[in-house]
Amino acid sequence: MVSGPEPPGLAHPLPGAIGLSHLSAYDWEAADGVCGGSPHLHLVCTEAYVVTGGRGAVQTLSRDGFRDIPLQAGSVAWFTPGTVHRMVQGGDLRVTVLMQNSGLPEAGDAVFTFPPEVLADPGAYAAAAGLPPGTGPETEAAARRRRDLAVEGYLGLREALAAGDAGPYREFQRAAARLVRDKVPTWRALWRAGALAAAERTGAQLDALADGDPAHLAEATVHQAAPARLGGFGMCGRRDEYALPGTTPPFPAP
């Protein structure tokens, strides 16, 4: 999906090796009467929402407790690893998502807020988190069931935090860490090849400039990309995804 010549052995991710997608938030009503996506957290990636249209909110659980942050066109909100977040639809909410460490979310850096008994069983978790391939009615129904299960667990976490009890929220974080532990070697390799390599490349360029050597400027080029998959069922909404350097298509169901 990227045009232009690639220098041998060198990938050109987006600036800072971030990931990019576009979301249209789900308008499915949940058990608490709120329309929106599946609450979850990321283990090592900071995520940012740049709102391009409509209105809504992002609900978060963190050391700050429960927050309901309004979103409208022009808003930007971002949250660090460990923050449980839930995108809420208020009316045609559309968001461009910028994700740290491109490739890691595609490799599984996210855990849904399923009830504790599901989180405790890796097989049950995988079955609940997975979706059938495609974008048809069967996949939509599975995505909605997944969302409802995540909301079930999320509401318990939120209620406990509101009562001043951070224990369930902290235990959810520990359960999430246990679920992804075996993935860490893969994540580390992706990080080294992506975000770390991009930072090191900048360091090498600074060293060269300090020595009066602008040779890397001779490699200047332009890249472009179009969505590699349109309207997939993401965690928070219908998702347009890009196959960019540093990602690992095919994209997984979450």
Protein backbone atom coordinates (compact mmCIF):
# COMPACT_ATOMS: atom_id res chain seq x y z
CA MET A 1 0.00 0.00 0.00
CA VAL A 2 3.04 2.31 0.16
CA SER A 3 4.35 3.80 -3.06
CA GLY A 4 7.85 4.92 -3.90
CA PRO A 5 11.16 3.08 -3.68
CA GLU A 6 12.24 1.65 -0.34
CA PRO A 7 15.93 1.98 0.54
CA PRO A 8 17.31 -1.57 0.96
CA GLY A 9 16.48 -3.05 4.36
CA LEU A 10 14.82 0.11 5.66
CA ALA A 11 11.12 0.47 6.47
CA HIS A 12 9.47 3.88 6.63
CA PRO A 13 6.72 3.88 9.24
CA LEU A 14 4.58 6.92 9.98
CA PRO A 15 6.31 9.58 12.12
CA GLY A 16 7.36 8.09 15.43
CA ALA A 17 6.29 4.64 14.20
CA ILE A 18 2.69 5.26 15.23
CA GLY A 19 -0.33 3.29 14.04
CA LEU A 20 -3.29 4.85 12.27
CA SER A 21 -6.95 3.90 11.88
CA HIS A 22 -10.34 5.58 11.53
CA LEU A 23 -13.33 4.68 13.71
CA SER A 24 -17.05 5.27 13.50
CA ALA A 25 -18.27 4.54 17.03
CA TYR A 26 -20.84 1.76 17.49
CA ASP A 27 -24.42 2.89 18.05
CA TRP A 28 -25.40 -0.36 19.80
CA GLU A 29 -27.12 0.23 23.13
CA ALA A 30 -25.54 -1.60 26.09
CA ALA A 31 -27.06 -2.86 29.35
CA ASP A 32 -26.60 0.54 31.02
CA GLY A 33 -28.41 2.37 28.22
CA VAL A 34 -25.20 3.78 26.75
CA CYS A 35 -24.34 3.29 23.07
CA GLY A 36 -20.72 2.57 22.29
CA GLY A 37 -17.80 0.22 22.12
CA SER A 38 -16.08 -2.51 24.10
CA PRO A 39 -14.16 -1.32 27.18
CA HIS A 40 -10.53 -2.49 27.23
CA LEU A 41 -7.01 -1.45 28.11
CA HIS A 42 -3.63 -1.54 26.40
CA LEU A 43 -0.58 -2.93 28.15
CA VAL A 44 2.24 -0.89 26.60
CA CYS A 45 0.68 1.54 24.08
CA THR A 46 -0.61 5.07 24.59
CA GLU A 47 -3.63 5.76 22.37
CA ALA A 48 -4.96 9.10 21.09
CA TYR A 49 -8.35 10.05 19.67
CA VAL A 50 -8.53 12.95 17.19
CA VAL A 51 -12.23 13.64 16.68
CA THR A 52 -13.07 14.47 13.08
CA GLY A 53 -16.85 14.61 13.32
CA GLY A 54 -19.93 14.16 15.46
CA ARG A 55 -20.02 14.04 19.22
CA GLY A 56 -19.75 11.53 22.03
CA ALA A 57 -17.40 10.76 24.90
CA VAL A 58 -14.67 8.48 26.11
CA GLN A 59 -15.25 6.90 29.52
CA THR A 60 -12.08 5.95 31.39
CA LEU A 61 -11.07 4.09 34.54
CA SER A 62 -7.62 4.86 35.93
CA ARG A 63 -5.87 6.02 39.09
CA ASP A 64 -8.00 9.16 38.59
CA GLY A 65 -11.15 7.08 39.09
CA PHE A 66 -14.01 7.24 36.58
CA ARG A 67 -14.01 10.04 34.01
CA ASP A 68 -16.49 10.84 31.24
CA ILE A 69 -14.62 13.05 28.75
CA PRO A 70 -16.76 14.83 26.13
CA LEU A 71 -15.68 14.48 22.50
CA GLN A 72 -16.62 16.69 19.57
CA ALA A 73 -15.05 17.67 16.26
CA GLY A 74 -11.59 19.06 16.97
CA SER A 75 -11.21 17.35 20.36
CA VAL A 76 -8.10 15.34 21.16
CA ALA A 77 -7.91 12.89 24.06
CA TRP A 78 -5.22 10.33 24.86
CA PHE A 79 -4.64 7.75 27.56
CA THR A 80 -1.65 5.81 28.78
CA PRO A 81 -1.22 2.03 29.23
CA GLY A 82 -3.47 0.54 31.89
CA THR A 83 -6.32 3.01 31.35
CA VAL A 84 -9.62 1.25 30.74
CA HIS A 85 -11.43 3.16 28.00
CA ARG A 86 -14.86 2.95 26.40
CA MET A 87 -15.87 5.03 23.39
CA VAL A 88 -19.42 6.36 23.70
CA GLN A 89 -21.54 7.34 20.71
CA GLY A 90 -23.41 10.64 21.00
CA GLY A 91 -24.22 11.26 17.34
CA ASP A 92 -22.20 10.32 14.26
CA LEU A 93 -18.96 10.22 16.27
CA ARG A 94 -15.94 9.71 13.99
CA VAL A 95 -12.40 9.48 15.26
CA THR A 96 -8.90 9.15 13.83
CA VAL A 97 -6.93 6.90 16.16
CA LEU A 98 -3.18 7.36 16.62
CA MET A 99 -1.54 4.43 18.40
CA GLN A 100 1.91 4.25 19.89
CA ASN A 101 4.17 1.36 18.83
CA SER A 102 2.61 0.48 15.50
CA GLY A 103 2.39 -3.29 15.17
CA LEU A 104 1.90 -4.07 18.84
CA PRO A 105 -1.89 -3.52 18.93
CA GLU A 106 -2.19 -5.76 15.85
CA ALA A 107 -0.16 -8.36 17.77
CA GLY A 108 -2.57 -8.34 20.71
CA ASP A 109 -1.74 -5.38 22.97
CA ALA A 110 -5.27 -5.04 24.31
CA VAL A 111 -7.40 -6.89 26.86
CA PHE A 112 -11.17 -6.62 27.19
CA THR A 113 -12.81 -6.00 30.56
CA PHE A 114 -14.53 -9.39 30.58
CA PRO A 115 -15.77 -10.75 33.93
CA PRO A 116 -13.08 -12.27 36.19
CA GLU A 117 -14.02 -15.89 35.46
CA VAL A 118 -13.39 -15.34 31.74
CA LEU A 119 -10.10 -13.52 32.34
CA ALA A 120 -8.92 -16.41 34.51
CA ASP A 121 -9.24 -18.94 31.66
CA PRO A 122 -7.07 -18.16 28.59
CA GLY A 123 -9.13 -20.49 26.42
CA ALA A 124 -12.41 -18.90 27.45
CA TYR A 125 -10.93 -15.44 26.96
CA ALA A 126 -9.71 -16.26 23.45
CA ALA A 127 -13.12 -17.69 22.50
CA ALA A 128 -14.93 -14.59 23.79
CA ALA A 129 -12.50 -12.13 22.19
CA GLY A 130 -12.32 -13.71 18.73
CA LEU A 131 -14.59 -12.86 15.81
CA PRO A 132 -15.49 -14.77 12.64
CA PRO A 133 -13.76 -13.39 9.55
CA GLY A 134 -15.44 -10.83 7.36
CA THR A 135 -17.87 -7.97 7.96
CA GLY A 136 -21.23 -9.70 7.60
CA PRO A 137 -24.13 -10.24 10.02
CA GLU A 138 -22.45 -13.18 11.82
CA THR A 139 -19.38 -11.09 12.57
CA GLU A 140 -21.49 -8.14 13.67
CA ALA A 141 -23.48 -10.32 16.07
CA ALA A 142 -20.27 -11.74 17.56
CA ALA A 143 -18.79 -8.24 17.95
CA ARG A 144 -21.91 -7.13 19.76
CA ARG A 145 -21.81 -10.15 22.12
CA ARG A 146 -18.15 -9.37 22.80
CA ARG A 147 -19.01 -5.75 23.54
CA ASP A 148 -21.80 -6.75 25.93
CA LEU A 149 -19.51 -9.12 27.84
CA ALA A 150 -16.85 -6.43 28.15
CA VAL A 151 -19.43 -3.92 29.39
CA GLU A 152 -20.60 -6.45 32.00
CA GLY A 153 -17.14 -6.63 33.52
CA TYR A 154 -16.52 -2.91 33.07
CA LEU A 155 -19.62 -1.88 35.03
CA GLY A 156 -18.41 -3.90 38.02
CA LEU A 157 -15.00 -2.21 37.89
CA ARG A 158 -16.59 1.22 37.60
CA GLU A 159 -18.97 0.62 40.48
CA ALA A 160 -16.13 -0.49 42.74
CA LEU A 161 -13.98 2.53 41.83
CA ALA A 162 -16.90 4.86 42.48
CA ALA A 163 -17.22 3.31 45.94
CA GLY A 164 -13.52 3.95 46.61
CA ASP A 165 -12.41 0.35 46.03
CA ALA A 166 -9.62 0.14 43.46
CA GLY A 167 -9.04 -3.56 44.16
CA PRO A 168 -11.08 -5.01 41.26
CA TYR A 169 -9.52 -2.53 38.82
CA ARG A 170 -6.01 -3.45 39.95
CA GLU A 171 -6.82 -7.15 39.76
CA PHE A 172 -8.09 -6.67 36.22
CA GLN A 173 -4.74 -5.10 35.30
CA ARG A 174 -2.90 -8.08 36.81
CA ALA A 175 -5.15 -10.53 34.96
CA ALA A 176 -4.51 -8.65 31.71
CA ALA A 177 -0.75 -8.87 32.27
CA ARG A 178 -1.00 -12.61 32.84
CA LEU A 179 -2.98 -13.11 29.63
CA VAL A 180 -0.40 -11.37 27.43
CA ARG A 181 2.83 -12.49 29.09
CA ASP A 182 3.67 -15.07 26.41
CA LYS A 183 3.31 -12.41 23.70
CA VAL A 184 6.04 -10.16 25.11
CA PRO A 185 8.92 -11.62 23.03
CA THR A 186 6.97 -10.96 19.83
CA TRP A 187 6.11 -7.45 20.99
CA ARG A 188 9.72 -6.74 21.86
CA ALA A 189 10.85 -7.75 18.36
CA LEU A 190 8.17 -5.52 16.77
CA TRP A 191 9.15 -2.60 19.01
CA ARG A 192 12.84 -2.97 18.17
CA ALA A 193 12.09 -3.08 14.44
CA GLY A 194 9.57 -0.22 14.62
CA ALA A 195 9.49 2.48 17.29
CA LEU A 196 12.99 1.88 18.65
CA ALA A 197 14.52 1.70 15.17
CA ALA A 198 12.80 4.98 14.23
CA ALA A 199 14.22 6.73 17.30
CA GLU A 200 17.68 5.29 16.71
CA ARG A 201 17.51 6.40 13.07
CA THR A 202 16.92 9.97 14.26
CA GLY A 203 19.89 9.66 16.62
CA ALA A 204 22.12 8.52 13.78
CA GLN A 205 20.94 11.43 11.64
CA LEU A 206 21.70 13.91 14.44
CA ASP A 207 25.17 12.42 14.80
CA ALA A 208 25.72 12.77 11.06
CA LEU A 209 24.57 16.39 11.03
CA ALA A 210 26.82 17.18 13.97
CA ASP A 211 29.68 15.88 11.81
CA GLY A 212 28.53 18.01 8.88
CA ASP A 213 27.27 15.01 6.90
CA PRO A 214 23.78 15.41 5.33
CA ALA A 215 24.03 12.22 3.25
CA HIS A 216 20.71 10.82 4.58
CA LEU A 217 18.87 13.74 2.94
CA ALA A 218 19.66 12.21 -0.44
CA GLU A 219 17.23 9.39 0.46
CA ALA A 220 14.29 11.81 0.67
CA THR A 221 11.09 10.32 -0.73
CA VAL A 222 7.31 10.34 -0.33
CA HIS A 223 4.95 7.54 0.71
CA GLN A 224 1.21 7.16 0.67
CA ALA A 225 -1.31 4.61 1.87
CA ALA A 226 -4.99 3.83 1.50
CA PRO A 227 -7.14 1.76 3.86
CA ALA A 228 -6.30 -1.93 3.61
CA ARG A 229 -9.62 -2.95 5.17
CA LEU A 230 -12.81 -0.90 5.39
CA GLY A 231 -15.51 -1.19 8.01
CA GLY A 232 -14.03 -3.98 10.10
CA PHE A 233 -15.47 -4.59 13.56
CA GLY A 234 -12.97 -3.06 15.96
CA MET A 235 -13.13 -2.78 19.71
CA CYS A 236 -14.81 0.63 19.72
CA GLY A 237 -16.52 0.84 16.35
CA ARG A 238 -16.39 0.16 12.63
CA ARG A 239 -12.74 0.50 11.72
CA ASP A 240 -10.85 1.46 8.59
CA GLU A 241 -7.34 0.00 8.88
CA TYR A 242 -4.08 0.74 7.11
CA ALA A 243 -1.33 -1.75 6.26
CA LEU A 244 1.70 0.37 7.11
CA PRO A 245 5.35 -0.52 7.67
CA GLY A 246 5.67 -1.94 11.18
CA THR A 247 2.19 -3.49 11.30
CA THR A 248 1.53 -7.19 10.97
CA PRO A 249 -1.43 -7.88 8.65
CA PRO A 250 -3.72 -9.68 8.42
CA PHE A 251 -5.34 -7.67 11.17
CA PRO A 252 -6.75 -9.70 14.09
CA ALA A 253 -10.39 -9.55 15.08
CA PRO A 254 -10.06 -7.09 18.01
